[in-house]
Protein backbone atom coordinates (compact mmCIF):
# COMPACT_ATOMS: atom_id res chain seq x y z
CA UNK A 1 -0.58 0.47 -0.04
CA UNK A 2 1.08 3.79 -0.83
CA UNK A 3 1.67 5.88 2.46
CA UNK A 4 -0.19 9.69 1.70
CA UNK A 5 2.48 11.72 3.64
CA UNK A 6 1.33 14.57 2.01
CA UNK A 7 -0.86 15.74 5.27
CA UNK A 8 2.20 16.32 8.16
CA UNK A 9 4.09 19.18 7.57
CA UNK A 10 7.27 19.93 8.34
CA UNK A 11 9.47 20.35 10.84
CA UNK A 12 9.95 23.64 9.63
CA UNK A 13 6.36 24.25 9.80
CA UNK A 14 5.40 23.69 13.76
CA UNK A 15 4.42 27.04 15.13
CA UNK A 16 2.43 25.77 17.47
CA UNK A 17 2.13 23.60 20.47
CA UNK A 18 -1.17 22.34 19.54
CA UNK A 19 0.24 21.10 15.73
CA UNK A 20 2.40 19.23 17.98
CA UNK A 21 0.25 17.66 20.24
CA UNK A 22 -1.50 16.63 16.92
CA UNK A 23 1.97 15.58 15.67
CA UNK A 24 2.36 12.97 18.47
CA UNK A 25 -1.44 12.17 18.79
CA UNK A 26 -1.36 10.96 14.26
CA UNK A 27 1.82 9.02 15.35
CA UNK A 28 0.36 7.08 17.56
CA UNK A 29 -2.29 6.22 15.32
CA UNK A 30 0.55 5.41 12.91
CA UNK A 31 1.37 2.81 15.33
CA UNK A 32 -2.31 1.63 16.29
CA UNK A 33 -2.49 1.14 12.48
CA UNK A 34 0.80 -0.85 12.13
CA UNK A 35 -0.51 -3.94 12.28
CA UNK A 36 -2.39 -3.18 8.94
CA UNK A 37 0.05 -1.57 6.89
CA UNK A 38 3.23 -2.26 4.56
CA UNK A 39 6.76 -1.73 6.37
CA UNK A 40 8.43 0.38 5.44
CA UNK A 41 12.36 1.95 6.47
CA UNK A 42 10.74 5.50 4.70
CA UNK A 43 7.37 4.92 7.42
CA UNK A 44 9.44 3.83 10.05
CA UNK A 45 11.77 7.25 9.48
CA UNK A 46 8.92 8.98 8.66
CA UNK A 47 7.71 8.38 12.71
CA UNK A 48 10.70 9.07 14.64
CA UNK A 49 11.30 12.43 13.02
CA UNK A 50 7.95 13.54 13.78
CA UNK A 51 9.24 12.90 16.92
CA UNK A 52 12.21 13.81 16.63
CA UNK A 53 10.51 17.78 15.42
CA UNK A 54 8.12 17.94 17.59
CA UNK A 55 11.56 17.16 20.25
CA UNK A 56 13.79 19.74 18.70
CA UNK A 57 10.45 22.52 18.35
CA UNK A 58 9.44 21.82 22.59
CA UNK A 59 12.90 22.18 23.24
CA UNK A 60 12.99 25.54 21.54
CA UNK A 61 10.32 27.31 21.95
CA UNK A 62 7.19 25.95 24.98
CA UNK A 63 7.34 27.18 28.32
CA UNK A 64 8.24 24.37 31.29
CA UNK A 65 4.47 26.21 31.82
CA UNK A 66 2.86 24.86 28.63
CA UNK A 67 2.91 21.75 30.83
CA UNK A 68 1.14 19.70 33.12
CA UNK A 69 3.45 17.19 34.09
CA UNK A 70 6.08 19.74 33.03
CA UNK A 71 8.43 19.70 30.11
CA UNK A 72 11.14 18.07 30.95
CA UNK A 73 8.62 15.34 31.74
CA UNK A 74 7.16 15.87 28.22
CA UNK A 75 10.18 15.39 26.31
CA UNK A 76 12.15 12.46 28.17
CA UNK A 77 8.87 10.35 27.35
CA UNK A 78 8.95 11.78 23.73
CA UNK A 79 12.62 10.66 23.58
CA UNK A 80 11.96 6.87 25.25
CA UNK A 81 9.14 6.40 22.42
CA UNK A 82 12.06 7.28 19.55
CA UNK A 83 14.35 4.94 21.47
CA UNK A 84 11.84 2.36 21.70
CA UNK A 85 10.34 2.97 17.82
CA UNK A 86 14.40 2.97 16.22
CA UNK A 87 14.81 -0.48 18.54
CA UNK A 88 11.89 -2.06 17.22
CA UNK A 89 12.87 -0.94 13.03
CA UNK A 90 16.35 -2.70 14.26
CA UNK A 91 15.21 -5.37 14.63
CA UNK A 92 13.02 -5.03 12.42
CA UNK A 93 15.67 -5.17 9.72
CA UNK A 94 18.48 -7.24 11.11
CA UNK A 95 15.18 -9.81 10.71
CA UNK A 96 13.41 -8.36 7.64
CA UNK A 97 10.08 -9.61 9.68
CA UNK A 98 7.89 -8.46 12.05
CA UNK A 99 8.91 -10.54 15.71
CA UNK A 100 7.46 -11.03 18.71
CA UNK A 101 10.00 -8.47 19.92
CA UNK A 102 9.40 -5.96 17.06
CA UNK A 103 5.76 -5.80 18.42
CA UNK A 104 6.68 -5.30 21.45
CA UNK A 105 9.54 -2.40 20.74
CA UNK A 106 6.59 -0.60 18.66
CA UNK A 107 4.01 -1.54 21.40
CA UNK A 108 6.41 -0.11 23.98
CA UNK A 109 7.15 3.49 22.11
CA UNK A 110 3.12 3.50 21.46
CA UNK A 111 3.06 3.44 25.30
CA UNK A 112 5.55 5.67 26.28
CA UNK A 113 3.80 8.14 23.77
CA UNK A 114 0.10 7.91 25.41
CA UNK A 115 2.54 9.08 28.28
CA UNK A 116 3.96 12.22 26.86
CA UNK A 117 0.58 13.27 25.51
CA UNK A 118 -0.90 12.32 29.45
CA UNK A 119 1.29 15.08 30.46
CA UNK A 120 1.31 17.51 28.32
């Protein structure tokens, strides 16, 4: 299945905290949908790039009081999600199949995104 990336804002076009949150919500949904989707390196890179863009924006433009649990907590969860997802994608690239470990890591990354959204 051909991916549709046209609704993704480039990192340099993130202009509000609300857009950042929507991007994380969208990324979480895409992780949930990945079971029915063809997995590609391009798509894996997009997921990680989305999180990286939000981390960069939050670090640069937001204030501590913009977040219920604090900016540091949100950034920590986003970084942990990125690590889990990168590890999942490395697992996939080693085996070239979706293993149980791949799905566990993928879900772990999604759970960290949930934590970030709750801390938001």
